[in-house]
Each structure stands twice: as structure tokens, then as C-alpha cells.
């Protein structure tokens, strides 16, 4: 039994255009349909981020503790030799209008609070 027959035996729907175009030879059904992913992490580059240090919001002076988890937008902003530098963007939970930006720092092997939040001294 071919793999195509096995998927049909499992009751999965295969659109006729997928079979007629011959795309089944080189693409999956999701690639053929133009899917970009099935969750927010794959669609909009959102990731779960945990603060590495204690800090204060610059707008409302609320304490943001180490280990506080946020859904953050992850973006590649620069390179340090071959290592990628990422920037994580999220909002303050207390006031909601201050935007935190945190960058990886591979040279110092740490994270830098770039805007919206300052490190607790």
C-alpha cells in the first residue's frame, strides 16, 4: 500500500487539486495550501520569554521580577561574528503602555535591557 493510500485509509482529506497538479510528489498538503504554521509562535514569531534579571519599568516604576514570563516578539536584529543577536519585545504588565526591549549579548554572554526597562542595581 502506498503512503497516499495509507493517508486515505486514515480518513484524512486530500483536495483533488493537490492530486491533479502532481504536487504530492514534491510538496506536503500544508505547503500546497500555503499554510504558514499552526500556532502563534510559527505565524508571528512570538516566543515565551523569561526575564533573566530583576528590573523596573521606566514608565510606572513597577518592579518586574526575575523569572517573570512574557509572550514576546522575537526578531533577528544583528550578528556578532556568526552568532545571531535577537531582540525580544514585550509590554509591561502593570501599566500596559510601556514596551520592553531586551537584546541578547553574545560578546558578554548576557542580556541587555535596551529600552522600557532598567536593571535593578
N, C-alpha and C. Protein backbone atom coordinates (compact mmCIF):
# COMPACT_ATOMS: atom_id res chain seq x y z
N UNK A 1 0.85 -1.18 0.00
CA UNK A 1 0.00 0.00 0.00
C UNK A 1 0.89 1.24 0.00
N UNK A 2 0.64 2.17 -0.90
CA UNK A 2 1.46 3.38 -0.95
C UNK A 2 1.09 4.32 0.19
N UNK A 3 1.95 5.28 0.41
CA UNK A 3 1.70 6.22 1.51
C UNK A 3 0.46 7.05 1.25
N UNK A 4 0.18 7.33 -0.01
CA UNK A 4 -1.02 8.10 -0.35
C UNK A 4 -2.28 7.32 -0.01
N UNK A 5 -2.27 6.03 -0.30
CA UNK A 5 -3.42 5.19 0.05
C UNK A 5 -3.56 5.05 1.56
N UNK A 6 -2.43 5.05 2.27
CA UNK A 6 -2.47 4.92 3.72
C UNK A 6 -3.12 6.14 4.36
N UNK A 7 -2.84 7.34 3.85
CA UNK A 7 -3.46 8.54 4.41
C UNK A 7 -4.95 8.56 4.11
N UNK A 8 -5.34 8.06 2.95
CA UNK A 8 -6.77 8.00 2.64
C UNK A 8 -7.47 6.97 3.51
N UNK A 9 -6.76 5.90 3.86
CA UNK A 9 -7.35 4.89 4.73
C UNK A 9 -7.55 5.43 6.14
N UNK A 10 -6.73 6.40 6.55
CA UNK A 10 -6.86 7.00 7.87
C UNK A 10 -7.97 8.05 7.93
N UNK A 11 -8.57 8.37 6.80
CA UNK A 11 -9.68 9.30 6.79
C UNK A 11 -9.26 10.75 6.67
N UNK A 12 -8.03 11.05 6.23
CA UNK A 12 -7.60 12.43 6.07
C UNK A 12 -8.05 12.94 4.71
N UNK A 13 -8.51 14.17 4.65
CA UNK A 13 -9.00 14.75 3.41
C UNK A 13 -7.83 15.22 2.55
N UNK A 14 -7.84 14.86 1.30
CA UNK A 14 -6.86 15.33 0.34
C UNK A 14 -7.62 16.01 -0.79
N UNK A 15 -7.38 17.31 -1.01
CA UNK A 15 -8.12 18.02 -2.05
C UNK A 15 -7.76 17.47 -3.44
N UNK A 16 -8.74 17.40 -4.35
CA UNK A 16 -8.48 16.86 -5.69
C UNK A 16 -7.43 17.66 -6.45
N UNK A 17 -7.37 18.97 -6.24
CA UNK A 17 -6.38 19.80 -6.95
C UNK A 17 -4.96 19.41 -6.57
N UNK A 18 -4.78 18.94 -5.36
CA UNK A 18 -3.46 18.51 -4.89
C UNK A 18 -2.98 17.29 -5.69
N UNK A 19 -3.89 16.36 -5.95
CA UNK A 19 -3.52 15.15 -6.70
C UNK A 19 -3.40 15.43 -8.19
N UNK A 20 -4.30 16.26 -8.73
CA UNK A 20 -4.30 16.55 -10.17
C UNK A 20 -3.08 17.34 -10.61
N UNK A 21 -2.58 18.22 -9.74
CA UNK A 21 -1.45 19.06 -10.12
C UNK A 21 -0.12 18.33 -10.04
N UNK A 22 -0.11 17.17 -9.39
CA UNK A 22 1.15 16.43 -9.24
C UNK A 22 2.01 16.97 -8.11
N UNK A 23 1.44 17.86 -7.29
CA UNK A 23 2.21 18.47 -6.20
C UNK A 23 2.55 17.46 -5.11
N UNK A 24 1.81 16.37 -5.04
CA UNK A 24 2.07 15.38 -3.99
C UNK A 24 3.45 14.75 -4.12
N UNK A 25 4.08 14.91 -5.29
CA UNK A 25 5.41 14.35 -5.49
C UNK A 25 6.49 15.19 -4.80
N UNK A 26 6.22 16.49 -4.62
CA UNK A 26 7.27 17.35 -4.09
C UNK A 26 6.85 18.19 -2.88
N UNK A 27 5.56 18.32 -2.61
CA UNK A 27 5.10 19.19 -1.51
C UNK A 27 4.17 18.43 -0.58
N UNK A 28 4.17 18.87 0.68
CA UNK A 28 3.17 18.34 1.60
C UNK A 28 1.84 19.07 1.35
N UNK A 29 0.79 18.58 1.96
CA UNK A 29 -0.53 19.22 1.78
C UNK A 29 -0.51 20.63 2.35
N UNK A 30 0.16 20.84 3.50
CA UNK A 30 0.23 22.17 4.10
C UNK A 30 1.00 23.14 3.22
N UNK A 31 2.10 22.70 2.61
CA UNK A 31 2.86 23.57 1.71
C UNK A 31 2.03 23.92 0.48
N UNK A 32 1.29 22.95 -0.03
CA UNK A 32 0.44 23.18 -1.20
C UNK A 32 -0.65 24.20 -0.89
N UNK A 33 -1.20 24.16 0.32
CA UNK A 33 -2.28 25.08 0.71
C UNK A 33 -1.75 26.46 1.08
N UNK A 34 -0.43 26.60 1.26
CA UNK A 34 0.15 27.90 1.60
C UNK A 34 0.09 28.21 3.08
N UNK A 35 0.04 27.19 3.91
CA UNK A 35 -0.01 27.39 5.35
C UNK A 35 1.32 27.93 5.87
N UNK A 36 1.26 28.87 6.81
CA UNK A 36 2.48 29.44 7.40
C UNK A 36 2.76 28.88 8.78
N UNK A 37 1.95 27.98 9.25
CA UNK A 37 2.14 27.42 10.57
C UNK A 37 0.81 27.29 11.27
N UNK A 38 0.79 26.56 12.35
CA UNK A 38 -0.47 26.27 13.01
C UNK A 38 -0.63 26.97 14.34
N UNK A 39 0.33 27.77 14.77
CA UNK A 39 0.18 28.45 16.05
C UNK A 39 0.82 29.84 16.00
N UNK A 40 0.65 30.60 17.06
CA UNK A 40 1.15 31.98 17.08
C UNK A 40 2.67 32.04 17.03
N UNK A 41 3.34 31.01 17.51
CA UNK A 41 4.79 31.02 17.53
C UNK A 41 5.36 30.91 16.12
N UNK A 42 4.74 30.12 15.28
CA UNK A 42 5.22 29.97 13.91
C UNK A 42 4.71 31.08 13.01
N UNK A 43 3.53 31.59 13.27
CA UNK A 43 2.93 32.59 12.38
C UNK A 43 3.52 33.99 12.59
N UNK A 44 3.71 34.40 13.83
CA UNK A 44 4.10 35.79 14.09
C UNK A 44 5.40 35.90 14.88
N UNK A 45 6.20 34.85 14.92
CA UNK A 45 7.48 34.80 15.63
C UNK A 45 7.33 35.26 17.08
N UNK A 46 6.30 34.76 17.75
CA UNK A 46 6.10 35.03 19.17
C UNK A 46 6.71 33.87 19.94
N UNK A 47 7.43 34.19 21.00
CA UNK A 47 8.01 33.13 21.82
C UNK A 47 7.78 33.44 23.30
N UNK A 48 7.92 32.44 24.11
CA UNK A 48 7.78 32.58 25.56
C UNK A 48 9.14 33.01 26.10
N UNK A 49 9.20 34.17 26.75
CA UNK A 49 10.47 34.72 27.23
C UNK A 49 10.39 34.95 28.73
N UNK A 50 11.45 34.60 29.42
CA UNK A 50 11.53 34.77 30.87
C UNK A 50 12.64 35.76 31.18
N UNK A 51 12.33 36.77 31.99
CA UNK A 51 13.32 37.79 32.30
C UNK A 51 14.51 37.20 33.06
N UNK A 52 15.72 37.52 32.63
CA UNK A 52 16.90 36.96 33.28
C UNK A 52 17.32 37.71 34.55
N UNK A 53 16.89 38.97 34.70
CA UNK A 53 17.29 39.79 35.86
C UNK A 53 16.09 40.56 36.38
N UNK A 54 16.17 41.00 37.64
CA UNK A 54 15.16 41.91 38.18
C UNK A 54 15.27 43.25 37.46
N UNK A 55 14.14 43.94 37.34
CA UNK A 55 14.16 45.23 36.68
C UNK A 55 13.00 46.11 37.09
N UNK A 56 13.03 47.35 36.61
CA UNK A 56 11.98 48.32 36.88
C UNK A 56 11.47 48.86 35.55
N UNK A 57 10.17 49.02 35.45
CA UNK A 57 9.56 49.65 34.28
C UNK A 57 9.92 51.14 34.32
N UNK A 58 10.35 51.70 33.19
CA UNK A 58 10.75 53.10 33.17
C UNK A 58 9.55 54.05 33.19
N UNK A 59 8.36 53.58 32.81
CA UNK A 59 7.18 54.44 32.78
C UNK A 59 6.49 54.51 34.13
N UNK A 60 6.28 53.36 34.78
CA UNK A 60 5.49 53.36 36.02
C UNK A 60 6.29 52.92 37.25
N UNK A 61 7.57 52.63 37.09
CA UNK A 61 8.47 52.19 38.16
C UNK A 61 7.99 50.92 38.87
N UNK A 62 7.23 50.11 38.20
CA UNK A 62 6.80 48.83 38.77
C UNK A 62 7.98 47.86 38.75
N UNK A 63 8.06 47.04 39.78
CA UNK A 63 9.11 46.03 39.85
C UNK A 63 8.71 44.84 38.98
N UNK A 64 9.60 44.44 38.11
CA UNK A 64 9.39 43.28 37.26
C UNK A 64 10.43 42.25 37.68
N UNK A 65 9.99 41.18 38.31
CA UNK A 65 10.91 40.23 38.91
C UNK A 65 11.59 39.29 37.93
N UNK A 66 12.73 38.80 38.35
CA UNK A 66 13.44 37.79 37.59
C UNK A 66 12.56 36.55 37.46
N UNK A 67 12.52 35.98 36.27
CA UNK A 67 11.71 34.78 36.06
C UNK A 67 10.29 35.06 35.61
N UNK A 68 9.91 36.34 35.50
CA UNK A 68 8.58 36.68 35.01
C UNK A 68 8.50 36.32 33.53
N UNK A 69 7.47 35.61 33.15
CA UNK A 69 7.35 35.14 31.78
C UNK A 69 6.39 36.00 30.97
N UNK A 70 6.79 36.24 29.73
CA UNK A 70 6.02 37.05 28.80
C UNK A 70 5.93 36.34 27.46
N UNK A 71 4.88 36.62 26.70
CA UNK A 71 4.85 36.26 25.29
C UNK A 71 5.50 37.42 24.55
N UNK A 72 6.68 37.19 24.01
CA UNK A 72 7.46 38.27 23.41
C UNK A 72 7.62 38.05 21.91
N UNK A 73 7.72 39.16 21.20
CA UNK A 73 8.02 39.11 19.76
C UNK A 73 9.53 38.98 19.61
N UNK A 74 9.97 38.00 18.85
CA UNK A 74 11.40 37.73 18.68
C UNK A 74 11.81 38.17 17.28
N UNK A 75 12.88 39.00 17.21
CA UNK A 75 13.34 39.49 15.91
C UNK A 75 14.86 39.41 15.85
N UNK A 76 15.37 39.02 14.69
CA UNK A 76 16.82 38.99 14.46
C UNK A 76 17.24 40.39 14.04
N UNK A 77 18.13 41.03 14.84
CA UNK A 77 18.50 42.42 14.57
C UNK A 77 19.93 42.61 14.10
N UNK A 78 20.82 41.69 14.46
CA UNK A 78 22.23 41.89 14.12
C UNK A 78 22.97 40.57 14.24
N UNK A 79 24.25 40.59 13.92
CA UNK A 79 25.11 39.42 14.06
C UNK A 79 26.38 39.81 14.81
N UNK A 80 26.85 38.88 15.63
CA UNK A 80 28.16 39.02 16.27
C UNK A 80 28.97 37.85 15.77
N UNK A 81 29.86 38.10 14.82
CA UNK A 81 30.53 37.07 14.05
C UNK A 81 29.46 36.17 13.41
N UNK A 82 29.35 34.92 13.80
CA UNK A 82 28.32 34.06 13.20
C UNK A 82 27.13 33.85 14.12
N UNK A 83 27.16 34.45 15.30
CA UNK A 83 26.07 34.30 16.26
C UNK A 83 25.02 35.37 16.02
N UNK A 84 23.76 34.97 15.98
CA UNK A 84 22.67 35.93 15.77
C UNK A 84 22.36 36.66 17.07
N UNK A 85 22.07 37.96 16.94
CA UNK A 85 21.61 38.76 18.07
C UNK A 85 20.11 38.96 17.90
N UNK A 86 19.36 38.54 18.92
CA UNK A 86 17.90 38.64 18.88
C UNK A 86 17.43 39.75 19.81
N UNK A 87 16.30 40.35 19.44
CA UNK A 87 15.66 41.35 20.27
C UNK A 87 14.26 40.85 20.61
N UNK A 88 13.94 40.86 21.90
CA UNK A 88 12.63 40.42 22.39
C UNK A 88 11.85 41.66 22.81
N UNK A 89 10.63 41.80 22.30
CA UNK A 89 9.81 42.97 22.59
C UNK A 89 8.52 42.50 23.28
N UNK A 90 8.22 43.13 24.41
CA UNK A 90 7.00 42.80 25.15
C UNK A 90 6.51 44.05 25.87
N UNK A 91 5.39 43.96 26.55
CA UNK A 91 4.82 45.12 27.25
C UNK A 91 4.81 44.91 28.76
N UNK A 92 4.79 46.01 29.49
CA UNK A 92 4.72 45.97 30.95
C UNK A 92 3.35 45.44 31.37
N UNK A 93 3.35 44.58 32.36
CA UNK A 93 2.07 44.03 32.84
C UNK A 93 1.33 45.02 33.73
N UNK A 94 2.06 45.90 34.40
CA UNK A 94 1.44 46.82 35.34
C UNK A 94 0.73 47.98 34.63
N UNK A 95 1.45 48.68 33.74
CA UNK A 95 0.85 49.85 33.10
C UNK A 95 0.32 49.54 31.70
N UNK A 96 0.91 48.60 31.01
CA UNK A 96 0.42 48.19 29.71
C UNK A 96 0.82 49.06 28.54
N UNK A 97 1.38 50.24 28.79
CA UNK A 97 1.73 51.10 27.66
C UNK A 97 3.23 51.21 27.44
N UNK A 98 4.03 50.69 28.35
CA UNK A 98 5.48 50.73 28.20
C UNK A 98 5.94 49.45 27.49
N UNK A 99 6.80 49.61 26.51
CA UNK A 99 7.28 48.47 25.73
C UNK A 99 8.72 48.15 26.13
N UNK A 100 8.96 46.91 26.56
CA UNK A 100 10.30 46.46 26.94
C UNK A 100 11.01 45.92 25.70
N UNK A 101 12.29 46.26 25.56
CA UNK A 101 13.12 45.67 24.52
C UNK A 101 14.37 45.11 25.18
N UNK A 102 14.58 43.83 24.96
CA UNK A 102 15.70 43.12 25.58
C UNK A 102 16.47 42.43 24.46
N UNK A 103 17.79 42.61 24.45
CA UNK A 103 18.65 42.02 23.42
C UNK A 103 19.61 41.02 24.00
N UNK A 104 19.92 40.02 23.19
CA UNK A 104 20.98 39.09 23.58
C UNK A 104 22.32 39.76 23.34
N UNK A 105 23.30 39.45 24.18
CA UNK A 105 24.63 40.00 24.05
C UNK A 105 25.63 38.84 24.07
N UNK A 106 25.95 38.26 22.92
CA UNK A 106 26.84 37.10 22.91
C UNK A 106 28.28 37.42 23.30
N UNK A 107 28.69 38.67 23.13
CA UNK A 107 30.06 39.04 23.49
C UNK A 107 30.27 38.91 25.00
N UNK A 108 29.31 39.40 25.78
CA UNK A 108 29.39 39.34 27.24
C UNK A 108 28.65 38.13 27.81
N UNK A 109 28.00 37.36 26.94
CA UNK A 109 27.20 36.18 27.34
C UNK A 109 26.10 36.55 28.33
N UNK A 110 25.34 37.57 27.99
CA UNK A 110 24.28 38.04 28.87
C UNK A 110 23.15 38.65 28.03
N UNK A 111 22.19 39.28 28.70
CA UNK A 111 21.11 40.02 28.05
C UNK A 111 21.26 41.49 28.41
N UNK A 112 20.92 42.36 27.49
CA UNK A 112 20.94 43.80 27.73
C UNK A 112 19.51 44.33 27.69
N UNK A 113 19.14 45.11 28.70
CA UNK A 113 17.85 45.80 28.70
C UNK A 113 18.06 47.09 27.92
N UNK A 114 17.49 47.19 26.72
CA UNK A 114 17.78 48.34 25.87
C UNK A 114 16.79 49.49 26.03
N UNK A 115 15.49 49.21 26.18
CA UNK A 115 14.54 50.30 26.37
C UNK A 115 13.31 49.83 27.12
N UNK A 116 12.69 50.75 27.85
CA UNK A 116 11.45 50.46 28.56
C UNK A 116 11.64 49.80 29.92
N UNK A 117 12.80 49.25 30.18
CA UNK A 117 13.07 48.57 31.43
C UNK A 117 14.53 48.84 31.81
N UNK A 118 14.77 49.02 33.09
CA UNK A 118 16.15 49.19 33.56
C UNK A 118 16.45 48.13 34.61
N UNK A 119 17.70 47.74 34.63
CA UNK A 119 18.15 46.69 35.51
C UNK A 119 18.19 47.15 36.95
N UNK A 120 17.82 46.26 37.88
CA UNK A 120 17.93 46.56 39.30
C UNK A 120 19.39 46.50 39.69
N UNK A 121 19.88 47.55 40.30
CA UNK A 121 21.31 47.63 40.67
C UNK A 121 21.61 46.90 41.94
